C-alpha atoms as a PDB file:
ATOM      1  CA  MET A   1     -95.973  44.091 -56.847  1.00  0.00           C
ATOM      2  CA  ARG A   2     -94.378  47.212 -54.572  1.00  0.00           C
ATOM      3  CA  ILE A   3     -90.895  47.551 -55.359  1.00  0.00           C
ATOM      4  CA  LEU A   4     -88.443  49.549 -53.045  1.00  0.00           C
ATOM      5  CA  ILE A   5     -84.885  50.514 -54.891  1.00  0.00           C
ATOM      6  CA  THR A   6     -82.110  52.137 -53.759  1.00  0.00           C
ATOM      7  CA  ASN A   7     -78.113  52.154 -54.198  1.00  0.00           C
ATOM      8  CA  ASP A   8     -74.620  53.544 -52.576  1.00  0.00           C
ATOM      9  CA  ASP A   9     -73.756  55.886 -55.895  1.00  0.00           C
ATOM     10  CA  GLY A  10     -76.603  58.652 -54.673  1.00  0.00           C
ATOM     11  CA  ILE A  11     -79.986  59.658 -56.101  1.00  0.00           C
ATOM     12  CA  ASN A  12     -78.494  60.782 -59.030  1.00  0.00           C
ATOM     13  CA  ALA A  13     -76.737  58.084 -60.381  1.00  0.00           C
ATOM     14  CA  PRO A  14     -76.986  56.901 -63.863  1.00  0.00           C
ATOM     15  CA  GLY A  15     -77.139  53.497 -62.551  1.00  0.00           C
ATOM     16  CA  LEU A  16     -80.120  54.100 -60.578  1.00  0.00           C
ATOM     17  CA  ARG A  17     -81.782  55.004 -63.617  1.00  0.00           C
ATOM     18  CA  VAL A  18     -81.341  51.925 -65.630  1.00  0.00           C
ATOM     19  CA  LEU A  19     -82.359  50.163 -61.958  1.00  0.00           C
ATOM     20  CA  GLU A  20     -85.633  52.042 -61.962  1.00  0.00           C
ATOM     21  CA  ALA A  21     -86.158  50.792 -65.711  1.00  0.00           C
ATOM     22  CA  ILE A  22     -85.711  47.263 -64.442  1.00  0.00           C
ATOM     23  CA  ALA A  23     -87.880  47.811 -61.576  1.00  0.00           C
ATOM     24  CA  HIS A  24     -91.116  49.320 -63.587  1.00  0.00           C
ATOM     25  CA  GLU A  25     -90.568  46.335 -66.124  1.00  0.00           C
ATOM     26  CA  ILE A  26     -91.154  43.910 -63.018  1.00  0.00           C
ATOM     27  CA  ALA A  27     -93.586  45.804 -61.185  1.00  0.00           C
ATOM     28  CA  GLY A  28     -96.129  45.929 -64.036  1.00  0.00           C
ATOM     29  CA  ASP A  29     -98.619  48.836 -65.173  1.00  0.00           C
ATOM     30  CA  ASP A  30    -100.181  47.747 -61.846  1.00  0.00           C
ATOM     31  CA  GLY A  31     -97.436  47.970 -59.557  1.00  0.00           C
ATOM     32  CA  GLU A  32     -95.292  50.491 -57.752  1.00  0.00           C
ATOM     33  CA  VAL A  33     -91.625  51.364 -57.757  1.00  0.00           C
ATOM     34  CA  TRP A  34     -90.598  53.830 -54.709  1.00  0.00           C
ATOM     35  CA  VAL A  35     -86.841  55.189 -54.697  1.00  0.00           C
ATOM     36  CA  VAL A  36     -85.053  56.354 -51.530  1.00  0.00           C
ATOM     37  CA  ALA A  37     -81.375  56.504 -52.427  1.00  0.00           C
ATOM     38  CA  PRO A  38     -78.643  58.447 -50.591  1.00  0.00           C
ATOM     39  CA  ALA A  39     -78.429  62.027 -50.958  1.00  0.00           C
ATOM     40  CA  PHE A  40     -74.842  62.111 -51.485  1.00  0.00           C
ATOM     41  CA  GLU A  41     -72.019  58.874 -52.925  1.00  0.00           C
ATOM     42  CA  GLN A  42     -71.862  56.296 -49.893  1.00  0.00           C
ATOM     43  CA  SER A  43     -70.291  54.049 -51.475  1.00  0.00           C
ATOM     44  CA  GLY A  44     -67.895  51.989 -49.484  1.00  0.00           C
ATOM     45  CA  VAL A  45     -70.224  52.208 -46.018  1.00  0.00           C
ATOM     46  CA  GLY A  46     -71.043  48.362 -45.773  1.00  0.00           C
ATOM     47  CA  HIS A  47     -74.182  47.668 -43.911  1.00  0.00           C
ATOM     48  CA  CYS A  48     -73.810  50.843 -41.632  1.00  0.00           C
ATOM     49  CA  ILE A  49     -76.773  52.577 -40.548  1.00  0.00           C
ATOM     50  CA  SER A  50     -77.019  56.214 -39.046  1.00  0.00           C
ATOM     51  CA  TYR A  51     -77.282  54.728 -35.017  1.00  0.00           C
ATOM     52  CA  THR A  52     -75.757  57.467 -33.574  1.00  0.00           C
ATOM     53  CA  HIS A  53     -77.095  60.485 -35.433  1.00  0.00           C
ATOM     54  CA  PRO A  54     -80.491  61.345 -37.489  1.00  0.00           C
ATOM     55  CA  THR A  55     -81.179  61.392 -41.147  1.00  0.00           C
ATOM     56  CA  MET A  56     -82.408  63.759 -43.083  1.00  0.00           C
ATOM     57  CA  LEU A  57     -85.160  62.171 -45.754  1.00  0.00           C
ATOM     58  CA  ILE A  58     -86.195  64.767 -48.265  1.00  0.00           C
ATOM     59  CA  GLN A  59     -89.147  63.924 -50.975  1.00  0.00           C
ATOM     60  CA  LEU A  60     -87.828  65.487 -54.517  1.00  0.00           C
ATOM     61  CA  GLU A  61     -91.050  63.921 -56.319  1.00  0.00           C
ATOM     62  CA  ASP A  62     -93.751  61.587 -56.406  1.00  0.00           C
ATOM     63  CA  ARG A  63     -92.323  58.538 -54.982  1.00  0.00           C
ATOM     64  CA  ARG A  64     -88.888  59.525 -55.022  1.00  0.00           C
ATOM     65  CA  PHE A  65     -86.965  60.099 -51.742  1.00  0.00           C
ATOM     66  CA  ALA A  66     -83.248  61.445 -51.144  1.00  0.00           C
ATOM     67  CA  ALA A  67     -81.971  60.571 -47.670  1.00  0.00           C
ATOM     68  CA  GLU A  68     -78.844  61.743 -45.628  1.00  0.00           C
ATOM     69  CA  GLY A  69     -77.405  58.599 -44.589  1.00  0.00           C
ATOM     70  CA  SER A  70     -76.357  55.281 -45.604  1.00  0.00           C
ATOM     71  CA  PRO A  71     -78.222  52.412 -48.371  1.00  0.00           C
ATOM     72  CA  ALA A  72     -79.227  50.639 -44.929  1.00  0.00           C
ATOM     73  CA  ASP A  73     -80.692  53.812 -43.762  1.00  0.00           C
ATOM     74  CA  CYS A  74     -82.343  54.277 -46.968  1.00  0.00           C
ATOM     75  CA  VAL A  75     -83.968  50.403 -46.563  1.00  0.00           C
ATOM     76  CA  LEU A  76     -85.226  51.625 -42.905  1.00  0.00           C
ATOM     77  CA  ALA A  77     -86.600  54.668 -44.115  1.00  0.00           C
ATOM     78  CA  GLY A  78     -88.282  53.075 -47.130  1.00  0.00           C
ATOM     79  CA  LEU A  79     -89.973  50.963 -44.598  1.00  0.00           C
ATOM     80  CA  TYR A  80     -90.569  52.375 -41.246  1.00  0.00           C
ATOM     81  CA  GLN A  81     -91.524  55.913 -43.149  1.00  0.00           C
ATOM     82  CA  VAL A  82     -91.866  56.282 -46.512  1.00  0.00           C
ATOM     83  CA  MET A  83     -93.751  52.813 -47.422  1.00  0.00           C
ATOM     84  CA  LYS A  84     -94.873  52.161 -43.881  1.00  0.00           C
ATOM     85  CA  ASP A  85     -98.593  51.692 -44.709  1.00  0.00           C
ATOM     86  CA  THR A  86     -97.524  49.754 -47.634  1.00  0.00           C
ATOM     87  CA  PRO A  87     -94.676  47.781 -47.340  1.00  0.00           C
ATOM     88  CA  PRO A  88     -92.604  46.453 -50.410  1.00  0.00           C
ATOM     89  CA  ASP A  89     -92.301  42.930 -51.809  1.00  0.00           C
ATOM     90  CA  LEU A  90     -88.853  43.399 -53.434  1.00  0.00           C
ATOM     91  CA  VAL A  91     -85.905  45.656 -52.278  1.00  0.00           C
ATOM     92  CA  LEU A  92     -83.549  45.882 -55.282  1.00  0.00           C
ATOM     93  CA  SER A  93     -80.012  47.695 -54.529  1.00  0.00           C
ATOM     94  CA  GLY A  94     -77.815  49.294 -57.371  1.00  0.00           C
ATOM     95  CA  VAL A  95     -77.009  49.337 -60.034  1.00  0.00           C
ATOM     96  CA  ASN A  96     -73.522  49.736 -58.738  1.00  0.00           C
ATOM     97  CA  ARG A  97     -70.829  51.283 -60.642  1.00  0.00           C
ATOM     98  CA  GLY A  98     -68.194  48.722 -60.543  1.00  0.00           C
ATOM     99  CA  ASN A  99     -68.134  44.751 -59.095  1.00  0.00           C
ATOM    100  CA  ASN A 100     -69.366  43.819 -56.004  1.00  0.00           C
ATOM    101  CA  ALA A 101     -67.703  40.696 -56.279  1.00  0.00           C
ATOM    102  CA  GLY A 102     -65.317  38.975 -54.076  1.00  0.00           C
ATOM    103  CA  GLU A 103     -63.829  40.667 -50.865  1.00  0.00           C
ATOM    104  CA  ASN A 104     -65.486  43.670 -52.225  1.00  0.00           C
ATOM    105  CA  VAL A 105     -69.268  42.300 -50.879  1.00  0.00           C
ATOM    106  CA  LEU A 106     -67.851  42.835 -47.471  1.00  0.00           C
ATOM    107  CA  TYR A 107     -67.513  46.732 -47.747  1.00  0.00           C
ATOM    108  CA  SER A 108     -70.385  47.339 -50.471  1.00  0.00           C
ATOM    109  CA  GLY A 109     -72.903  49.668 -49.227  1.00  0.00           C
ATOM    110  CA  THR A 110     -74.850  48.089 -52.248  1.00  0.00           C
ATOM    111  CA  ILE A 111     -74.900  44.802 -50.457  1.00  0.00           C
ATOM    112  CA  GLY A 112     -75.231  46.219 -47.473  1.00  0.00           C
ATOM    113  CA  ALA A 113     -78.731  47.392 -48.469  1.00  0.00           C
ATOM    114  CA  THR A 114     -80.120  44.001 -49.435  1.00  0.00           C
ATOM    115  CA  MET A 115     -78.631  42.970 -46.408  1.00  0.00           C
ATOM    116  CA  GLU A 116     -80.935  44.797 -44.055  1.00  0.00           C
ATOM    117  CA  ALA A 117     -83.834  44.250 -46.389  1.00  0.00           C
ATOM    118  CA  ALA A 118     -83.471  40.591 -45.825  1.00  0.00           C
ATOM    119  CA  LEU A 119     -83.036  41.113 -41.978  1.00  0.00           C
ATOM    120  CA  GLN A 120     -86.219  43.025 -42.136  1.00  0.00           C
ATOM    121  CA  GLY A 121     -87.471  39.849 -43.643  1.00  0.00           C
ATOM    122  CA  ILE A 122     -88.203  41.571 -47.433  1.00  0.00           C
ATOM    123  CA  PRO A 123     -87.205  39.519 -50.502  1.00  0.00           C
ATOM    124  CA  ALA A 124     -83.747  41.498 -51.721  1.00  0.00           C
ATOM    125  CA  ILE A 125     -81.492  41.584 -54.659  1.00  0.00           C
ATOM    126  CA  ALA A 126     -78.248  43.489 -55.278  1.00  0.00           C
ATOM    127  CA  LEU A 127     -76.977  44.255 -58.504  1.00  0.00           C
ATOM    128  CA  SER A 128     -73.784  45.577 -59.703  1.00  0.00           C
ATOM    129  CA  GLN A 129     -72.371  46.374 -63.586  1.00  0.00           C
ATOM    130  CA  PHE A 130     -68.621  45.038 -63.303  1.00  0.00           C
ATOM    131  CA  ASN A 131     -66.049  47.726 -65.475  1.00  0.00           C
ATOM    132  CA  GLY A 132     -63.543  46.602 -68.181  1.00  0.00           C
ATOM    133  CA  PRO A 133     -62.191  47.511 -71.143  1.00  0.00           C
ATOM    134  CA  GLU A 134     -64.606  46.156 -73.311  1.00  0.00           C
ATOM    135  CA  ASN A 135     -67.778  48.265 -71.524  1.00  0.00           C
ATOM    136  CA  ILE A 136     -66.282  51.059 -69.909  1.00  0.00           C
ATOM    137  CA  ASN A 137     -66.282  53.243 -73.317  1.00  0.00           C
ATOM    138  CA  LEU A 138     -69.225  52.604 -74.449  1.00  0.00           C
ATOM    139  CA  ALA A 139     -72.308  54.831 -74.652  1.00  0.00           C
ATOM    140  CA  ASN A 140     -73.961  53.085 -71.982  1.00  0.00           C
ATOM    141  CA  PRO A 141     -71.358  51.264 -69.648  1.00  0.00           C
ATOM    142  CA  PHE A 142     -74.295  49.543 -67.577  1.00  0.00           C
ATOM    143  CA  GLU A 143     -75.276  47.871 -71.144  1.00  0.00           C
ATOM    144  CA  ALA A 144     -75.242  44.176 -70.143  1.00  0.00           C
ATOM    145  CA  ALA A 145     -77.283  45.315 -66.699  1.00  0.00           C
ATOM    146  CA  ALA A 146     -79.925  47.302 -68.630  1.00  0.00           C
ATOM    147  CA  ALA A 147     -80.524  44.204 -71.229  1.00  0.00           C
ATOM    148  CA  HIS A 148     -80.199  41.462 -68.753  1.00  0.00           C
ATOM    149  CA  GLY A 149     -81.332  42.651 -65.315  1.00  0.00           C
ATOM    150  CA  VAL A 150     -84.964  42.046 -65.919  1.00  0.00           C
ATOM    151  CA  ASP A 151     -84.516  38.464 -66.983  1.00  0.00           C
ATOM    152  CA  VAL A 152     -82.203  37.980 -63.849  1.00  0.00           C
ATOM    153  CA  VAL A 153     -84.453  39.448 -61.599  1.00  0.00           C
ATOM    154  CA  ARG A 154     -87.753  37.119 -62.639  1.00  0.00           C
ATOM    155  CA  ALA A 155     -85.485  34.039 -63.128  1.00  0.00           C
ATOM    156  CA  LEU A 156     -85.252  34.534 -58.933  1.00  0.00           C
ATOM    157  CA  LEU A 157     -88.344  35.618 -58.449  1.00  0.00           C
ATOM    158  CA  ARG A 158     -89.740  32.173 -59.780  1.00  0.00           C
ATOM    159  CA  HIS A 159     -87.147  29.823 -59.323  1.00  0.00           C
ATOM    160  CA  GLY A 160     -84.965  31.303 -56.657  1.00  0.00           C
ATOM    161  CA  ILE A 161     -84.652  30.044 -52.696  1.00  0.00           C
ATOM    162  CA  TRP A 162     -86.893  32.472 -50.483  1.00  0.00           C
ATOM    163  CA  ASP A 163     -86.659  31.430 -47.148  1.00  0.00           C
ATOM    164  CA  GLU A 164     -88.198  32.572 -43.795  1.00  0.00           C
ATOM    165  CA  ARG A 165     -85.058  31.682 -41.555  1.00  0.00           C
ATOM    166  CA  ASP A 166     -83.540  33.882 -39.678  1.00  0.00           C
ATOM    167  CA  TYR A 167     -80.773  35.410 -41.656  1.00  0.00           C
ATOM    168  CA  ARG A 168     -82.864  35.011 -44.982  1.00  0.00           C
ATOM    169  CA  LEU A 169     -80.953  34.463 -48.126  1.00  0.00           C
ATOM    170  CA  PHE A 170     -80.554  37.597 -50.264  1.00  0.00           C
ATOM    171  CA  TYR A 171     -78.867  37.452 -53.721  1.00  0.00           C
ATOM    172  CA  ASN A 172     -75.937  39.448 -55.171  1.00  0.00           C
ATOM    173  CA  VAL A 173     -75.681  39.728 -59.255  1.00  0.00           C
ATOM    174  CA  ASN A 174     -72.846  41.226 -60.921  1.00  0.00           C
ATOM    175  CA  PHE A 175     -73.022  41.428 -64.729  1.00  0.00           C
ATOM    176  CA  PRO A 176     -69.871  41.067 -66.786  1.00  0.00           C
ATOM    177  CA  PRO A 177     -67.580  43.786 -68.080  1.00  0.00           C
ATOM    178  CA  CYS A 178     -68.660  43.291 -71.906  1.00  0.00           C
ATOM    179  CA  PRO A 179     -71.069  44.525 -74.587  1.00  0.00           C
ATOM    180  CA  ALA A 180     -75.188  43.287 -73.547  1.00  0.00           C
ATOM    181  CA  ASP A 181     -74.729  41.210 -76.818  1.00  0.00           C
ATOM    182  CA  ALA A 182     -71.416  39.125 -75.593  1.00  0.00           C
ATOM    183  CA  VAL A 183     -72.922  38.049 -72.286  1.00  0.00           C
ATOM    184  CA  LYS A 184     -72.603  34.306 -72.419  1.00  0.00           C
ATOM    185  CA  GLY A 185     -75.316  33.802 -70.148  1.00  0.00           C
ATOM    186  CA  THR A 186     -75.990  33.202 -66.037  1.00  0.00           C
ATOM    187  CA  ARG A 187     -73.731  30.911 -63.139  1.00  0.00           C
ATOM    188  CA  VAL A 188     -74.406  30.636 -59.775  1.00  0.00           C
ATOM    189  CA  VAL A 189     -71.386  30.888 -58.641  1.00  0.00           C
ATOM    190  CA  ALA A 190     -69.673  31.529 -54.762  1.00  0.00           C
ATOM    191  CA  GLN A 191     -68.189  34.695 -53.417  1.00  0.00           C
ATOM    192  CA  GLY A 192     -64.582  34.606 -54.517  1.00  0.00           C
ATOM    193  CA  TYR A 193     -61.304  35.958 -53.188  1.00  0.00           C
ATOM    194  CA  ARG A 194     -58.434  37.924 -54.800  1.00  0.00           C
ATOM    195  CA  PRO A 195     -55.333  36.996 -53.720  1.00  0.00           C
ATOM    196  CA  ASP A 196     -53.145  39.458 -52.865  1.00  0.00           C
ATOM    197  CA  THR A 197     -55.274  42.112 -53.512  1.00  0.00           C
ATOM    198  CA  ARG A 198     -55.787  44.565 -50.335  1.00  0.00           C
ATOM    199  CA  HIS A 199     -57.421  47.768 -49.957  1.00  0.00           C
ATOM    200  CA  THR A 200     -54.510  50.371 -48.649  1.00  0.00           C
ATOM    201  CA  VAL A 201     -54.238  54.151 -48.288  1.00  0.00           C
ATOM    202  CA  GLU A 202     -52.345  56.907 -49.993  1.00  0.00           C
ATOM    203  CA  PRO A 203     -51.375  59.975 -48.079  1.00  0.00           C
ATOM    204  CA  HIS A 204     -51.250  63.655 -49.030  1.00  0.00           C
ATOM    205  CA  GLN A 205     -50.138  66.569 -47.094  1.00  0.00           C
ATOM    206  CA  SER A 206     -52.603  70.110 -47.557  1.00  0.00           C
ATOM    207  CA  PRO A 207     -51.121  73.028 -47.621  1.00  0.00           C
ATOM    208  CA  SER A 208     -51.734  73.408 -44.627  1.00  0.00           C
ATOM    209  CA  GLY A 209     -49.820  70.523 -43.145  1.00  0.00           C
ATOM    210  CA  ARG A 210     -52.606  67.982 -42.190  1.00  0.00           C
ATOM    211  CA  MET A 211     -52.079  64.628 -43.304  1.00  0.00           C
ATOM    212  CA  PHE A 212     -54.596  63.263 -45.510  1.00  0.00           C
ATOM    213  CA  MET A 213     -55.434  59.633 -46.951  1.00  0.00           C
ATOM    214  CA  TRP A 214     -57.260  58.347 -50.077  1.00  0.00           C
ATOM    215  CA  VAL A 215     -58.199  54.825 -49.825  1.00  0.00           C
ATOM    216  CA  ARG A 216     -56.989  52.739 -52.483  1.00  0.00           C
ATOM    217  CA  GLY A 217     -58.639  49.277 -53.816  1.00  0.00           C
ATOM    218  CA  GLY A 218     -56.508  46.712 -55.434  1.00  0.00           C
ATOM    219  CA  ALA A 219     -57.029  45.232 -59.608  1.00  0.00           C
ATOM    220  CA  GLN A 220     -60.308  43.996 -60.085  1.00  0.00           C
ATOM    221  CA  ALA A 221     -59.994  41.405 -63.141  1.00  0.00           C
ATOM    222  CA  VAL A 222     -57.734  38.871 -60.481  1.00  0.00           C
ATOM    223  CA  ASP A 223     -58.720  35.389 -60.693  1.00  0.00           C
ATOM    224  CA  THR A 224     -60.773  34.042 -57.911  1.00  0.00           C
ATOM    225  CA  GLY A 225     -60.844  30.404 -59.368  1.00  0.00           C
ATOM    226  CA  GLU A 226     -63.348  28.109 -61.177  1.00  0.00           C
ATOM    227  CA  GLY A 227     -66.955  28.348 -59.684  1.00  0.00           C
ATOM    228  CA  THR A 228     -66.779  31.806 -58.202  1.00  0.00           C
ATOM    229  CA  ASP A 229     -68.041  35.035 -59.008  1.00  0.00           C
ATOM    230  CA  VAL A 230     -65.063  37.116 -60.476  1.00  0.00           C
ATOM    231  CA  ARG A 231     -64.579  34.176 -62.675  1.00  0.00           C
ATOM    232  CA  ALA A 232     -67.805  33.712 -64.190  1.00  0.00           C
ATOM    233  CA  ASN A 233     -67.588  37.867 -65.163  1.00  0.00           C
ATOM    234  CA  VAL A 234     -64.255  37.787 -66.763  1.00  0.00           C
ATOM    235  CA  ASP A 235     -65.526  34.989 -68.412  1.00  0.00           C
ATOM    236  CA  GLY A 236     -68.526  36.357 -69.954  1.00  0.00           C
ATOM    237  CA  TYR A 237     -71.108  35.495 -67.637  1.00  0.00           C
ATOM    238  CA  ILE A 238     -73.869  36.809 -64.983  1.00  0.00           C
ATOM    239  CA  ALA A 239     -72.768  35.446 -62.000  1.00  0.00           C
ATOM    240  CA  VAL A 240     -75.618  34.998 -59.283  1.00  0.00           C
ATOM    241  CA  THR A 241     -74.414  34.464 -55.715  1.00  0.00           C
ATOM    242  CA  PRO A 242     -76.583  33.765 -52.714  1.00  0.00           C
ATOM    243  CA  LEU A 243     -75.667  35.416 -49.264  1.00  0.00           C
ATOM    244  CA  HIS A 244     -76.973  35.626 -46.014  1.00  0.00           C
ATOM    245  CA  ALA A 245     -75.913  37.866 -42.790  1.00  0.00           C
ATOM    246  CA  ASN A 246     -74.934  34.809 -40.761  1.00  0.00           C
ATOM    247  CA  LEU A 247     -71.025  35.230 -40.538  1.00  0.00           C
ATOM    248  CA  THR A 248     -70.320  32.102 -38.535  1.00  0.00           C
ATOM    249  CA  ASN A 249     -67.951  29.713 -39.572  1.00  0.00           C
ATOM    250  CA  TYR A 250     -69.684  26.278 -39.327  1.00  0.00           C
ATOM    251  CA  ASP A 251     -66.390  24.311 -40.753  1.00  0.00           C
ATOM    252  CA  ALA A 252     -64.776  25.678 -37.345  1.00  0.00           C
ATOM    253  CA  LEU A 253     -67.779  24.942 -34.765  1.00  0.00           C
ATOM    254  CA  ASP A 254     -66.771  21.274 -34.039  1.00  0.00           C
ATOM    255  CA  ILE A 255     -63.280  21.851 -34.054  1.00  0.00           C
ATOM    256  CA  LEU A 256     -63.010  24.435 -31.427  1.00  0.00           C
ATOM    257  CA  LYS A 257     -65.533  22.747 -29.422  1.00  0.00           C
ATOM    258  CA  GLU A 258     -63.347  19.560 -28.552  1.00  0.00           C
ATOM    259  CA  ARG A 259     -60.104  21.849 -28.056  1.00  0.00           C
ATOM    260  CA  LEU A 260     -61.962  25.064 -26.163  1.00  0.00           C
ATOM    261  CA  GLU A 261     -64.845  23.419 -24.266  1.00  0.00           C
END
């Protein structure tokens, strides 16, 4: 198996090293793991692509490249340049530092990479490590992902739904904020929504008088309800959520047809 891996935390991120270990075990002795990751952190860029300017691609070592672009750019570089003669069988993205559950899915560059892979017809899985007081100070905060990542990916490869629709399914996996031995199991859940949690901005004035703004997030452990990703993670379970890029709200179609047509 040939696996392309990327992330949004950058080529030197510790979570990428965790993902490399997972990918090598999945690929096996006869497989290949190729890394194309952003040269610098690209958190929060979503499914952004560098459409209006070129992206520099640098080979760092055998099967390891850094791109001055977004995670989706990295997938495009992997498919159409780095691995153009031998395309990957699977794209893995992560392991993200912090959860990509709830509304974070909409901002995540980790998710953006897997979305682009799915749009290109390649099976894809995003992996993220929820942080909290039980794991943030561990010697390896990614312990849960490192210990359980291989099993989850293998389970999805064997039993997941891998359709060939125009908007193909891809998978979002979030590991709970606890040590590896405290993980209770896996739950297949929907994307949740943290009520009253918003991104905001905090303004700061520079010594020169210019105004700069830092984007701030909200509380992450807010309950999103039964059967959702954040609830599963906070309860100690690995959350697996099937996603696709079609944003149509089908529940509203018939109602709007009656009202507008």
